């Protein structure tokens, strides 16, 4: 049984996006504790190596491919934005 609602047989995209953003930002809070002790350039490099998409897929193993696609696409976007922000800040 899915943790997400479905509308006309399709996953509620807003609900999936909200879950994905909450998941990403909770991970980011944990990571910030580790990255606060390193140079921002190193933090950006290390964050770029984290497989956020795989972490999301581990949480969504029983969900449909449509949900997995929505979630992994969004978490990849969020991670790329965060790394880009860190890199810009370090320049």
C-alpha atoms as a PDB file:
ATOM      1  CA  UNK A   1       0.000   0.000   0.000  1.00  0.00           C
ATOM      2  CA  UNK A   2       1.346   3.380  -1.016  1.00  0.00           C
ATOM      3  CA  UNK A   3       2.057   6.137   1.490  1.00  0.00           C
ATOM      4  CA  UNK A   4       0.861   8.598  -1.161  1.00  0.00           C
ATOM      5  CA  UNK A   5      -2.626   9.403  -2.372  1.00  0.00           C
ATOM      6  CA  UNK A   6      -3.594   8.733  -5.961  1.00  0.00           C
ATOM      7  CA  UNK A   7      -5.895  10.864  -8.082  1.00  0.00           C
ATOM      8  CA  UNK A   8      -7.480   9.152 -11.076  1.00  0.00           C
ATOM      9  CA  UNK A   9      -4.888   6.392 -10.804  1.00  0.00           C
ATOM     10  CA  UNK A  10      -1.954   8.803 -10.773  1.00  0.00           C
ATOM     11  CA  UNK A  11       0.146   9.636  -7.724  1.00  0.00           C
ATOM     12  CA  UNK A  12      -0.553  12.987  -6.072  1.00  0.00           C
ATOM     13  CA  UNK A  13       2.527  14.778  -7.382  1.00  0.00           C
ATOM     14  CA  UNK A  14       2.325  17.597  -4.838  1.00  0.00           C
ATOM     15  CA  UNK A  15       2.300  15.075  -2.012  1.00  0.00           C
ATOM     16  CA  UNK A  16       5.297  13.219  -3.447  1.00  0.00           C
ATOM     17  CA  UNK A  17       7.202  16.475  -3.955  1.00  0.00           C
ATOM     18  CA  UNK A  18       6.436  17.587  -0.404  1.00  0.00           C
ATOM     19  CA  UNK A  19       7.647  14.261   0.991  1.00  0.00           C
ATOM     20  CA  UNK A  20      10.801  14.467  -1.134  1.00  0.00           C
ATOM     21  CA  UNK A  21      11.600  17.996  -0.009  1.00  0.00           C
ATOM     22  CA  UNK A  22      11.044  17.105   3.650  1.00  0.00           C
ATOM     23  CA  UNK A  23      13.278  14.048   3.257  1.00  0.00           C
ATOM     24  CA  UNK A  24      16.030  16.045   1.548  1.00  0.00           C
ATOM     25  CA  UNK A  25      16.012  18.891   4.051  1.00  0.00           C
ATOM     26  CA  UNK A  26      16.040  16.527   7.020  1.00  0.00           C
ATOM     27  CA  UNK A  27      19.127  14.863   5.514  1.00  0.00           C
ATOM     28  CA  UNK A  28      20.626  18.274   4.886  1.00  0.00           C
ATOM     29  CA  UNK A  29      20.178  19.188   8.552  1.00  0.00           C
ATOM     30  CA  UNK A  30      22.146  16.103   9.570  1.00  0.00           C
ATOM     31  CA  UNK A  31      24.817  16.753   6.952  1.00  0.00           C
ATOM     32  CA  UNK A  32      25.209  20.373   8.005  1.00  0.00           C
ATOM     33  CA  UNK A  33      26.455  19.183  11.386  1.00  0.00           C
ATOM     34  CA  UNK A  34      29.264  17.313   9.628  1.00  0.00           C
ATOM     35  CA  UNK A  35      29.979  19.913   6.971  1.00  0.00           C
ATOM     36  CA  UNK A  36      30.137  22.799   9.440  1.00  0.00           C
ATOM     37  CA  UNK A  37      33.656  21.692  10.359  1.00  0.00           C
ATOM     38  CA  UNK A  38      35.087  21.640   6.829  1.00  0.00           C
ATOM     39  CA  UNK A  39      35.885  24.239   4.198  1.00  0.00           C
ATOM     40  CA  UNK A  40      32.838  25.170   2.131  1.00  0.00           C
ATOM     41  CA  UNK A  41      34.564  24.011  -1.067  1.00  0.00           C
ATOM     42  CA  UNK A  42      35.141  20.594   0.518  1.00  0.00           C
ATOM     43  CA  UNK A  43      31.549  20.517   1.727  1.00  0.00           C
ATOM     44  CA  UNK A  44      30.307  21.154  -1.819  1.00  0.00           C
ATOM     45  CA  UNK A  45      32.547  18.420  -3.206  1.00  0.00           C
ATOM     46  CA  UNK A  46      31.495  15.911  -0.563  1.00  0.00           C
ATOM     47  CA  UNK A  47      27.827  16.743  -0.966  1.00  0.00           C
ATOM     48  CA  UNK A  48      28.081  16.231  -4.729  1.00  0.00           C
ATOM     49  CA  UNK A  49      29.168  12.641  -4.047  1.00  0.00           C
ATOM     50  CA  UNK A  50      26.133  11.735  -1.934  1.00  0.00           C
ATOM     51  CA  UNK A  51      23.718   9.507  -3.883  1.00  0.00           C
ATOM     52  CA  UNK A  52      20.544  11.321  -2.823  1.00  0.00           C
ATOM     53  CA  UNK A  53      18.546   9.560  -5.530  1.00  0.00           C
ATOM     54  CA  UNK A  54      19.545   6.160  -4.145  1.00  0.00           C
ATOM     55  CA  UNK A  55      18.678   7.237  -0.608  1.00  0.00           C
ATOM     56  CA  UNK A  56      15.220   8.248  -1.821  1.00  0.00           C
ATOM     57  CA  UNK A  57      14.778   4.967  -3.690  1.00  0.00           C
ATOM     58  CA  UNK A  58      15.657   3.037  -0.527  1.00  0.00           C
ATOM     59  CA  UNK A  59      12.791   4.804   1.224  1.00  0.00           C
ATOM     60  CA  UNK A  60      10.394   4.174  -1.659  1.00  0.00           C
ATOM     61  CA  UNK A  61      11.123   0.531  -2.460  1.00  0.00           C
ATOM     62  CA  UNK A  62       7.444  -0.444  -2.369  1.00  0.00           C
ATOM     63  CA  UNK A  63       6.205   2.518  -4.387  1.00  0.00           C
ATOM     64  CA  UNK A  64       5.383   2.705  -8.088  1.00  0.00           C
ATOM     65  CA  UNK A  65       7.881   3.700 -10.745  1.00  0.00           C
ATOM     66  CA  UNK A  66       5.949   6.945 -11.274  1.00  0.00           C
ATOM     67  CA  UNK A  67       6.432   7.941  -7.629  1.00  0.00           C
ATOM     68  CA  UNK A  68      10.088   6.961  -7.722  1.00  0.00           C
ATOM     69  CA  UNK A  69      10.637   9.047 -10.856  1.00  0.00           C
ATOM     70  CA  UNK A  70       8.971  12.134  -9.382  1.00  0.00           C
ATOM     71  CA  UNK A  71      10.924  11.814  -6.144  1.00  0.00           C
ATOM     72  CA  UNK A  72      14.342  11.082  -7.631  1.00  0.00           C
ATOM     73  CA  UNK A  73      13.997  13.887 -10.170  1.00  0.00           C
ATOM     74  CA  UNK A  74      13.125  16.369  -7.432  1.00  0.00           C
ATOM     75  CA  UNK A  75      15.812  15.257  -4.982  1.00  0.00           C
ATOM     76  CA  UNK A  76      18.414  15.471  -7.750  1.00  0.00           C
ATOM     77  CA  UNK A  77      17.272  19.022  -8.519  1.00  0.00           C
ATOM     78  CA  UNK A  78      17.460  19.976  -4.831  1.00  0.00           C
ATOM     79  CA  UNK A  79      20.910  18.459  -4.405  1.00  0.00           C
ATOM     80  CA  UNK A  80      22.232  20.169  -7.540  1.00  0.00           C
ATOM     81  CA  UNK A  81      20.864  23.516  -6.341  1.00  0.00           C
ATOM     82  CA  UNK A  82      22.448  23.085  -2.920  1.00  0.00           C
ATOM     83  CA  UNK A  83      25.837  22.116  -4.358  1.00  0.00           C
ATOM     84  CA  UNK A  84      25.641  25.002  -6.833  1.00  0.00           C
ATOM     85  CA  UNK A  85      24.853  27.392  -3.997  1.00  0.00           C
ATOM     86  CA  UNK A  86      27.789  26.118  -1.941  1.00  0.00           C
ATOM     87  CA  UNK A  87      30.154  26.411  -4.903  1.00  0.00           C
ATOM     88  CA  UNK A  88      28.982  29.938  -5.675  1.00  0.00           C
ATOM     89  CA  UNK A  89      29.384  30.909  -2.046  1.00  0.00           C
ATOM     90  CA  UNK A  90      32.935  29.567  -1.967  1.00  0.00           C
ATOM     91  CA  UNK A  91      34.060  31.546  -5.032  1.00  0.00           C
END
